[in-house]
PDB file of N, CA and C in Angstrom:
ATOM      1  N   MET A   1     -10.127   1.617   2.159  1.00  0.00           N
ATOM      2  CA  MET A   1      -9.373   2.019   0.995  1.00  0.00           C
ATOM      3  C   MET A   1     -10.004   1.343  -0.226  1.00  0.00           C
ATOM      4  N   LYS A   2     -10.421   2.155  -1.166  1.00  0.00           N
ATOM      5  CA  LYS A   2     -11.105   1.649  -2.362  1.00  0.00           C
ATOM      6  C   LYS A   2     -10.223   0.668  -3.147  1.00  0.00           C
ATOM      7  N   LEU A   3      -8.951   0.965  -3.235  1.00  0.00           N
ATOM      8  CA  LEU A   3      -8.038   0.083  -3.953  1.00  0.00           C
ATOM      9  C   LEU A   3      -8.049  -1.328  -3.364  1.00  0.00           C
ATOM     10  N   LEU A   4      -8.066  -1.422  -2.040  1.00  0.00           N
ATOM     11  CA  LEU A   4      -8.124  -2.726  -1.375  1.00  0.00           C
ATOM     12  C   LEU A   4      -9.415  -3.463  -1.727  1.00  0.00           C
ATOM     13  N   GLU A   5     -10.518  -2.754  -1.703  1.00  0.00           N
ATOM     14  CA  GLU A   5     -11.806  -3.363  -2.058  1.00  0.00           C
ATOM     15  C   GLU A   5     -11.776  -3.900  -3.488  1.00  0.00           C
ATOM     16  N   ASP A   6     -11.227  -3.108  -4.394  1.00  0.00           N
ATOM     17  CA  ASP A   6     -11.148  -3.522  -5.799  1.00  0.00           C
ATOM     18  C   ASP A   6     -10.273  -4.762  -5.976  1.00  0.00           C
ATOM     19  N   LEU A   7      -9.131  -4.780  -5.291  1.00  0.00           N
ATOM     20  CA  LEU A   7      -8.231  -5.932  -5.407  1.00  0.00           C
ATOM     21  C   LEU A   7      -8.849  -7.192  -4.808  1.00  0.00           C
ATOM     22  N   ARG A   8      -9.554  -7.045  -3.698  1.00  0.00           N
ATOM     23  CA  ARG A   8     -10.232  -8.208  -3.105  1.00  0.00           C
ATOM     24  C   ARG A   8     -11.295  -8.754  -4.046  1.00  0.00           C
ATOM     25  N   ALA A   9     -12.042  -7.882  -4.674  1.00  0.00           N
ATOM     26  CA  ALA A   9     -13.066  -8.310  -5.632  1.00  0.00           C
ATOM     27  C   ALA A   9     -12.427  -9.004  -6.829  1.00  0.00           C
ATOM     28  N   GLN A  10     -11.317  -8.453  -7.295  1.00  0.00           N
ATOM     29  CA  GLN A  10     -10.599  -9.074  -8.411  1.00  0.00           C
ATOM     30  C   GLN A  10     -10.087 -10.456  -8.027  1.00  0.00           C
ATOM     31  N   ALA A  11      -9.516 -10.582  -6.845  1.00  0.00           N
ATOM     32  CA  ALA A  11      -8.988 -11.868  -6.382  1.00  0.00           C
ATOM     33  C   ALA A  11     -10.095 -12.899  -6.267  1.00  0.00           C
ATOM     34  N   ALA A  12     -11.256 -12.474  -5.806  1.00  0.00           N
ATOM     35  CA  ALA A  12     -12.384 -13.399  -5.661  1.00  0.00           C
ATOM     36  C   ALA A  12     -12.935 -13.829  -7.014  1.00  0.00           C
ATOM     37  N   ALA A  13     -12.806 -12.973  -8.001  1.00  0.00           N
ATOM     38  CA  ALA A  13     -13.406 -13.250  -9.310  1.00  0.00           C
ATOM     39  C   ALA A  13     -12.488 -13.985 -10.277  1.00  0.00           C
ATOM     40  N   THR A  14     -11.189 -13.931 -10.066  1.00  0.00           N
ATOM     41  CA  THR A  14     -10.271 -14.514 -11.033  1.00  0.00           C
ATOM     42  C   THR A  14     -10.273 -16.041 -10.976  1.00  0.00           C
ATOM     43  N   THR A  15     -10.073 -16.650 -12.117  1.00  0.00           N
ATOM     44  CA  THR A  15      -9.976 -18.112 -12.176  1.00  0.00           C
ATOM     45  C   THR A  15      -8.512 -18.560 -12.229  1.00  0.00           C
ATOM     46  N   SER A  16      -7.616 -17.612 -12.374  1.00  0.00           N
ATOM     47  CA  SER A  16      -6.192 -17.925 -12.439  1.00  0.00           C
ATOM     48  C   SER A  16      -5.603 -18.034 -11.039  1.00  0.00           C
ATOM     49  N   VAL A  17      -5.032 -19.169 -10.738  1.00  0.00           N
ATOM     50  CA  VAL A  17      -4.403 -19.377  -9.438  1.00  0.00           C
ATOM     51  C   VAL A  17      -3.225 -18.421  -9.260  1.00  0.00           C
ATOM     52  N   PHE A  18      -2.480 -18.196 -10.321  1.00  0.00           N
ATOM     53  CA  PHE A  18      -1.308 -17.332 -10.249  1.00  0.00           C
ATOM     54  C   PHE A  18      -1.716 -15.879 -10.038  1.00  0.00           C
ATOM     55  N   GLN A  19      -2.726 -15.425 -10.787  1.00  0.00           N
ATOM     56  CA  GLN A  19      -3.196 -14.057 -10.625  1.00  0.00           C
ATOM     57  C   GLN A  19      -3.776 -13.854  -9.222  1.00  0.00           C
ATOM     58  N   ARG A  20      -4.512 -14.834  -8.721  1.00  0.00           N
ATOM     59  CA  ARG A  20      -5.074 -14.737  -7.383  1.00  0.00           C
ATOM     60  C   ARG A  20      -3.962 -14.606  -6.343  1.00  0.00           C
ATOM     61  N   GLN A  21      -2.900 -15.374  -6.484  1.00  0.00           N
ATOM     62  CA  GLN A  21      -1.781 -15.309  -5.536  1.00  0.00           C
ATOM     63  C   GLN A  21      -1.118 -13.939  -5.570  1.00  0.00           C
ATOM     64  N   LEU A  22      -0.870 -13.413  -6.767  1.00  0.00           N
ATOM     65  CA  LEU A  22      -0.257 -12.089  -6.879  1.00  0.00           C
ATOM     66  C   LEU A  22      -1.150 -11.012  -6.259  1.00  0.00           C
ATOM     67  N   LEU A  23      -2.448 -11.124  -6.485  1.00  0.00           N
ATOM     68  CA  LEU A  23      -3.387 -10.174  -5.898  1.00  0.00           C
ATOM     69  C   LEU A  23      -3.386 -10.272  -4.376  1.00  0.00           C
ATOM     70  N   LYS A  24      -3.326 -11.488  -3.851  1.00  0.00           N
ATOM     71  CA  LYS A  24      -3.277 -11.664  -2.397  1.00  0.00           C
ATOM     72  C   LYS A  24      -2.029 -11.029  -1.805  1.00  0.00           C
ATOM     73  N   GLU A  25      -0.904 -11.143  -2.504  1.00  0.00           N
ATOM     74  CA  GLU A  25       0.333 -10.525  -2.028  1.00  0.00           C
ATOM     75  C   GLU A  25       0.204  -9.008  -2.030  1.00  0.00           C
ATOM     76  N   ASP A  26      -0.396  -8.453  -3.078  1.00  0.00           N
ATOM     77  CA  ASP A  26      -0.614  -7.002  -3.135  1.00  0.00           C
ATOM     78  C   ASP A  26      -1.568  -6.554  -2.032  1.00  0.00           C
ATOM     79  N   ILE A  27      -2.604  -7.319  -1.802  1.00  0.00           N
ATOM     80  CA  ILE A  27      -3.568  -7.006  -0.746  1.00  0.00           C
ATOM     81  C   ILE A  27      -2.874  -6.980   0.610  1.00  0.00           C
ATOM     82  N   ALA A  28      -2.033  -7.967   0.874  1.00  0.00           N
ATOM     83  CA  ALA A  28      -1.307  -8.018   2.151  1.00  0.00           C
ATOM     84  C   ALA A  28      -0.417  -6.791   2.329  1.00  0.00           C
ATOM     85  N   ARG A  29       0.254  -6.361   1.265  1.00  0.00           N
ATOM     86  CA  ARG A  29       1.107  -5.169   1.353  1.00  0.00           C
ATOM     87  C   ARG A  29       0.274  -3.929   1.643  1.00  0.00           C
ATOM     88  N   LEU A  30      -0.846  -3.812   0.962  1.00  0.00           N
ATOM     89  CA  LEU A  30      -1.699  -2.639   1.171  1.00  0.00           C
ATOM     90  C   LEU A  30      -2.335  -2.639   2.554  1.00  0.00           C
ATOM     91  N   GLU A  31      -2.636  -3.810   3.082  1.00  0.00           N
ATOM     92  CA  GLU A  31      -3.152  -3.889   4.454  1.00  0.00           C
ATOM     93  C   GLU A  31      -2.088  -3.419   5.448  1.00  0.00           C
ATOM     94  N   LYS A  32      -0.829  -3.799   5.200  1.00  0.00           N
ATOM     95  CA  LYS A  32       0.264  -3.330   6.057  1.00  0.00           C
ATOM     96  C   LYS A  32       0.406  -1.807   5.945  1.00  0.00           C
ATOM     97  N   LEU A  33       0.274  -1.303   4.729  1.00  0.00           N
ATOM     98  CA  LEU A  33       0.362   0.132   4.508  1.00  0.00           C
ATOM     99  C   LEU A  33      -0.754   0.852   5.253  1.00  0.00           C
ATOM    100  N   GLN A  34      -1.929   0.292   5.226  1.00  0.00           N
ATOM    101  CA  GLN A  34      -3.069   0.868   5.931  1.00  0.00           C
ATOM    102  C   GLN A  34      -2.837   0.855   7.444  1.00  0.00           C
ATOM    103  N   MET A  35      -2.238  -0.211   7.953  1.00  0.00           N
ATOM    104  CA  MET A  35      -1.921  -0.281   9.384  1.00  0.00           C
ATOM    105  C   MET A  35      -0.896   0.788   9.772  1.00  0.00           C
ATOM    106  N   LEU A  36       0.060   1.038   8.887  1.00  0.00           N
ATOM    107  CA  LEU A  36       1.047   2.080   9.157  1.00  0.00           C
ATOM    108  C   LEU A  36       0.391   3.451   9.294  1.00  0.00           C
ATOM    109  N   LEU A  37      -0.652   3.689   8.502  1.00  0.00           N
ATOM    110  CA  LEU A  37      -1.359   4.964   8.587  1.00  0.00           C
ATOM    111  C   LEU A  37      -1.934   5.183   9.980  1.00  0.00           C
ATOM    112  N   VAL A  38      -2.352   4.109  10.615  1.00  0.00           N
ATOM    113  CA  VAL A  38      -2.920   4.194  11.962  1.00  0.00           C
ATOM    114  C   VAL A  38      -1.814   4.357  13.004  1.00  0.00           C
ATOM    115  N   GLU A  39      -0.697   3.670  12.792  1.00  0.00           N
ATOM    116  CA  GLU A  39       0.373   3.637  13.784  1.00  0.00           C
ATOM    117  C   GLU A  39       1.287   4.857  13.772  1.00  0.00           C
ATOM    118  N   ILE A  40       1.491   5.446  12.606  1.00  0.00           N
ATOM    119  CA  ILE A  40       2.477   6.525  12.477  1.00  0.00           C
ATOM    120  C   ILE A  40       1.770   7.814  12.103  1.00  0.00           C
ATOM    121  N   SER A  41       1.989   8.834  12.897  1.00  0.00           N
ATOM    122  CA  SER A  41       1.246  10.076  12.697  1.00  0.00           C
ATOM    123  C   SER A  41       1.991  11.149  11.913  1.00  0.00           C
ATOM    124  N   ASP A  42       3.285  10.961  11.684  1.00  0.00           N
ATOM    125  CA  ASP A  42       3.997  11.980  10.914  1.00  0.00           C
ATOM    126  C   ASP A  42       4.331  11.466   9.512  1.00  0.00           C
ATOM    127  N   GLY A  43       4.258  12.368   8.561  1.00  0.00           N
ATOM    128  CA  GLY A  43       4.451  12.011   7.158  1.00  0.00           C
ATOM    129  C   GLY A  43       5.802  11.410   6.857  1.00  0.00           C
ATOM    130  N   ALA A  44       6.859  12.002   7.390  1.00  0.00           N
ATOM    131  CA  ALA A  44       8.210  11.507   7.106  1.00  0.00           C
ATOM    132  C   ALA A  44       8.398  10.084   7.633  1.00  0.00           C
ATOM    133  N   GLY A  45       7.930   9.842   8.847  1.00  0.00           N
ATOM    134  CA  GLY A  45       8.045   8.502   9.426  1.00  0.00           C
ATOM    135  C   GLY A  45       7.237   7.481   8.661  1.00  0.00           C
ATOM    136  N   PHE A  46       6.031   7.874   8.260  1.00  0.00           N
ATOM    137  CA  PHE A  46       5.186   6.971   7.478  1.00  0.00           C
ATOM    138  C   PHE A  46       5.857   6.616   6.166  1.00  0.00           C
ATOM    139  N   LYS A  47       6.353   7.610   5.460  1.00  0.00           N
ATOM    140  CA  LYS A  47       6.957   7.375   4.142  1.00  0.00           C
ATOM    141  C   LYS A  47       8.197   6.489   4.257  1.00  0.00           C
ATOM    142  N   LYS A  48       8.995   6.713   5.298  1.00  0.00           N
ATOM    143  CA  LYS A  48      10.201   5.900   5.501  1.00  0.00           C
ATOM    144  C   LYS A  48       9.829   4.441   5.749  1.00  0.00           C
ATOM    145  N   GLN A  49       8.884   4.205   6.654  1.00  0.00           N
ATOM    146  CA  GLN A  49       8.455   2.838   6.955  1.00  0.00           C
ATOM    147  C   GLN A  49       7.772   2.195   5.757  1.00  0.00           C
ATOM    148  N   ALA A  50       6.985   2.972   5.035  1.00  0.00           N
ATOM    149  CA  ALA A  50       6.242   2.443   3.893  1.00  0.00           C
ATOM    150  C   ALA A  50       7.165   1.973   2.773  1.00  0.00           C
ATOM    151  N   MET A  51       8.325   2.592   2.648  1.00  0.00           N
ATOM    152  CA  MET A  51       9.260   2.197   1.590  1.00  0.00           C
ATOM    153  C   MET A  51       9.901   0.834   1.864  1.00  0.00           C
ATOM    154  N   THR A  52       9.843   0.366   3.102  1.00  0.00           N
ATOM    155  CA  THR A  52      10.451  -0.922   3.445  1.00  0.00           C
ATOM    156  C   THR A  52       9.381  -1.900   3.930  1.00  0.00           C
ATOM    157  N   LEU A  53       8.308  -1.947   3.206  1.00  0.00           N
ATOM    158  CA  LEU A  53       7.156  -2.742   3.608  1.00  0.00           C
ATOM    159  C   LEU A  53       7.152  -4.132   2.978  1.00  0.00           C
ATOM    160  N   GLY A  54       8.174  -4.444   2.212  1.00  0.00           N
ATOM    161  CA  GLY A  54       8.223  -5.741   1.555  1.00  0.00           C
ATOM    162  C   GLY A  54       7.684  -5.696   0.140  1.00  0.00           C
ATOM    163  N   TRP A  55       7.919  -4.583  -0.529  1.00  0.00           N
ATOM    164  CA  TRP A  55       7.430  -4.452  -1.908  1.00  0.00           C
ATOM    165  C   TRP A  55       8.137  -5.433  -2.828  1.00  0.00           C
ATOM    166  N   THR A  56       9.377  -5.768  -2.495  1.00  0.00           N
ATOM    167  CA  THR A  56      10.115  -6.832  -3.191  1.00  0.00           C
ATOM    168  C   THR A  56      10.664  -7.753  -2.099  1.00  0.00           C
ATOM    169  N   PRO A  57      11.025  -8.992  -2.439  1.00  0.00           N
ATOM    170  CA  PRO A  57      11.540  -9.908  -1.404  1.00  0.00           C
ATOM    171  C   PRO A  57      12.714  -9.292  -0.640  1.00  0.00           C
ATOM    172  N   GLY A  58      12.527  -9.157   0.661  1.00  0.00           N
ATOM    173  CA  GLY A  58      13.566  -8.573   1.502  1.00  0.00           C
ATOM    174  C   GLY A  58      13.828  -7.099   1.215  1.00  0.00           C
ATOM    175  N   ASP A  59      13.002  -6.493   0.411  1.00  0.00           N
ATOM    176  CA  ASP A  59      13.160  -5.099  -0.022  1.00  0.00           C
ATOM    177  C   ASP A  59      14.502  -4.846  -0.696  1.00  0.00           C
ATOM    178  N   ILE A  60      15.113  -5.899  -1.188  1.00  0.00           N
ATOM    179  CA  ILE A  60      16.425  -5.769  -1.828  1.00  0.00           C
ATOM    180  C   ILE A  60      16.350  -4.934  -3.105  1.00  0.00           C
ATOM    181  N   ARG A  61      15.255  -5.075  -3.851  1.00  0.00           N
ATOM    182  CA  ARG A  61      15.157  -4.363  -5.132  1.00  0.00           C
ATOM    183  C   ARG A  61      14.068  -3.294  -5.126  1.00  0.00           C
ATOM    184  N   THR A  62      13.589  -2.940  -3.956  1.00  0.00           N
ATOM    185  CA  THR A  62      12.523  -1.941  -3.865  1.00  0.00           C
ATOM    186  C   THR A  62      12.949  -0.619  -4.499  1.00  0.00           C
ATOM    187  N   PHE A  63      14.232  -0.281  -4.400  1.00  0.00           N
ATOM    188  CA  PHE A  63      14.712   0.978  -4.987  1.00  0.00           C
ATOM    189  C   PHE A  63      14.407   1.060  -6.481  1.00  0.00           C
ATOM    190  N   GLU A  64      14.274  -0.083  -7.135  1.00  0.00           N
ATOM    191  CA  GLU A  64      13.972  -0.091  -8.571  1.00  0.00           C
ATOM    192  C   GLU A  64      12.544   0.366  -8.864  1.00  0.00           C
ATOM    193  N   LEU A  65      11.701   0.365  -7.852  1.00  0.00           N
ATOM    194  CA  LEU A  65      10.313   0.781  -8.031  1.00  0.00           C
ATOM    195  C   LEU A  65      10.149   2.299  -7.935  1.00  0.00           C
ATOM    196  N   ASN A  66      11.209   2.987  -7.534  1.00  0.00           N
ATOM    197  CA  ASN A  66      11.161   4.455  -7.465  1.00  0.00           C
ATOM    198  C   ASN A  66      11.199   5.025  -8.863  1.00  0.00           C
ATOM    199  N   PRO A  67      10.635   6.131  -9.160  1.00  0.00           N
ATOM    200  CA  PRO A  67       9.912   7.052  -8.293  1.00  0.00           C
ATOM    201  C   PRO A  67       8.423   6.713  -8.160  1.00  0.00           C
ATOM    202  N   GLU A  68       7.968   5.695  -8.876  1.00  0.00           N
ATOM    203  CA  GLU A  68       6.548   5.352  -8.853  1.00  0.00           C
ATOM    204  C   GLU A  68       6.062   4.972  -7.456  1.00  0.00           C
ATOM    205  N   LEU A  69       6.839   4.171  -6.745  1.00  0.00           N
ATOM    206  CA  LEU A  69       6.442   3.750  -5.403  1.00  0.00           C
ATOM    207  C   LEU A  69       6.403   4.943  -4.458  1.00  0.00           C
ATOM    208  N   ALA A  70       7.403   5.789  -4.537  1.00  0.00           N
ATOM    209  CA  ALA A  70       7.426   6.984  -3.686  1.00  0.00           C
ATOM    210  C   ALA A  70       6.213   7.867  -3.965  1.00  0.00           C
ATOM    211  N   ALA A  71       5.856   8.008  -5.225  1.00  0.00           N
ATOM    212  CA  ALA A  71       4.681   8.814  -5.589  1.00  0.00           C
ATOM    213  C   ALA A  71       3.399   8.171  -5.061  1.00  0.00           C
ATOM    214  N   PHE A  72       3.320   6.849  -5.135  1.00  0.00           N
ATOM    215  CA  PHE A  72       2.154   6.134  -4.618  1.00  0.00           C
ATOM    216  C   PHE A  72       2.029   6.336  -3.111  1.00  0.00           C
ATOM    217  N   ILE A  73       3.129   6.180  -2.392  1.00  0.00           N
ATOM    218  CA  ILE A  73       3.132   6.335  -0.935  1.00  0.00           C
ATOM    219  C   ILE A  73       2.759   7.773  -0.556  1.00  0.00           C
ATOM    220  N   GLU A  74       3.289   8.725  -1.275  1.00  0.00           N
ATOM    221  CA  GLU A  74       2.939  10.130  -1.044  1.00  0.00           C
ATOM    222  C   GLU A  74       1.440  10.345  -1.245  1.00  0.00           C
ATOM    223  N   THR A  75       0.885   9.763  -2.291  1.00  0.00           N
ATOM    224  CA  THR A  75      -0.544   9.903  -2.561  1.00  0.00           C
ATOM    225  C   THR A  75      -1.377   9.284  -1.449  1.00  0.00           C
ATOM    226  N   VAL A  76      -0.976   8.110  -0.974  1.00  0.00           N
ATOM    227  CA  VAL A  76      -1.692   7.458   0.127  1.00  0.00           C
ATOM    228  C   VAL A  76      -1.657   8.352   1.358  1.00  0.00           C
ATOM    229  N   TRP A  77      -0.494   8.919   1.677  1.00  0.00           N
ATOM    230  CA  TRP A  77      -0.367   9.795   2.835  1.00  0.00           C
ATOM    231  C   TRP A  77      -1.243  11.044   2.673  1.00  0.00           C
ATOM    232  N   GLN A  78      -1.188  11.650   1.508  1.00  0.00           N
ATOM    233  CA  GLN A  78      -1.993  12.848   1.261  1.00  0.00           C
ATOM    234  C   GLN A  78      -3.481  12.543   1.367  1.00  0.00           C
ATOM    235  N   ARG A  79      -3.881  11.418   0.818  1.00  0.00           N
ATOM    236  CA  ARG A  79      -5.300  11.029   0.876  1.00  0.00           C
ATOM    237  C   ARG A  79      -5.739  10.855   2.325  1.00  0.00           C
ATOM    238  N   GLN A  80      -4.909  10.207   3.127  1.00  0.00           N
ATOM    239  CA  GLN A  80      -5.225  10.011   4.545  1.00  0.00           C
ATOM    240  C   GLN A  80      -5.296  11.352   5.259  1.00  0.00           C
ATOM    241  N   SER A  81      -4.361  12.244   4.950  1.00  0.00           N
ATOM    242  CA  SER A  81      -4.360  13.571   5.568  1.00  0.00           C
ATOM    243  C   SER A  81      -5.627  14.334   5.205  1.00  0.00           C
ATOM    244  N   ASP A  82      -6.053  14.230   3.940  1.00  0.00           N
ATOM    245  CA  ASP A  82      -7.286  14.900   3.490  1.00  0.00           C
ATOM    246  C   ASP A  82      -8.502  14.349   4.227  1.00  0.00           C
ATOM    247  N   VAL A  83      -8.539  13.033   4.416  1.00  0.00           N
ATOM    248  CA  VAL A  83      -9.665  12.405   5.131  1.00  0.00           C
ATOM    249  C   VAL A  83      -9.708  12.891   6.568  1.00  0.00           C
ATOM    250  N   GLU A  84      -8.547  12.955   7.228  1.00  0.00           N
ATOM    251  CA  GLU A  84      -8.495  13.405   8.620  1.00  0.00           C
ATOM    252  C   GLU A  84      -8.935  14.861   8.747  1.00  0.00           C
ATOM    253  N   ILE A  85      -8.521  15.699   7.822  1.00  0.00           N
ATOM    254  CA  ILE A  85      -8.887  17.109   7.855  1.00  0.00           C
ATOM    255  C   ILE A  85     -10.393  17.273   7.643  1.00  0.00           C
ATOM    256  N   ASN A  86     -10.938  16.532   6.690  1.00  0.00           N
ATOM    257  CA  ASN A  86     -12.361  16.653   6.374  1.00  0.00           C
ATOM    258  C   ASN A  86     -13.264  16.063   7.446  1.00  0.00           C
ATOM    259  N   SER A  87     -12.745  15.093   8.211  1.00  0.00           N
ATOM    260  CA  SER A  87     -13.576  14.489   9.258  1.00  0.00           C
ATOM    261  C   SER A  87     -13.482  15.232  10.584  1.00  0.00           C
ATOM    262  N   ALA A  88     -12.540  16.175  10.667  1.00  0.00           N
ATOM    263  CA  ALA A  88     -12.369  16.942  11.921  1.00  0.00           C
ATOM    264  C   ALA A  88     -13.390  18.055  12.046  1.00  0.00           C
TER     265      ALA A  88
END
């Protein structure tokens, strides 16, 4: 995932301890999201699990990230589906 590569490069390059920590947290979430793509083969199941991936502590306030988070998750799913179709 290009986004993961970019975030890792940013984390390695930053001199800010706080920015590096935030980037590491984002990287961990995206790695979990990537693992879900491998584990779950249906779109509805993936999207449901992806919404409770720890985007906020305990996912208590994750609903506040909608509709942007839902759109992001949909895009990730669509991108994965496009890759699978093109590689078949």
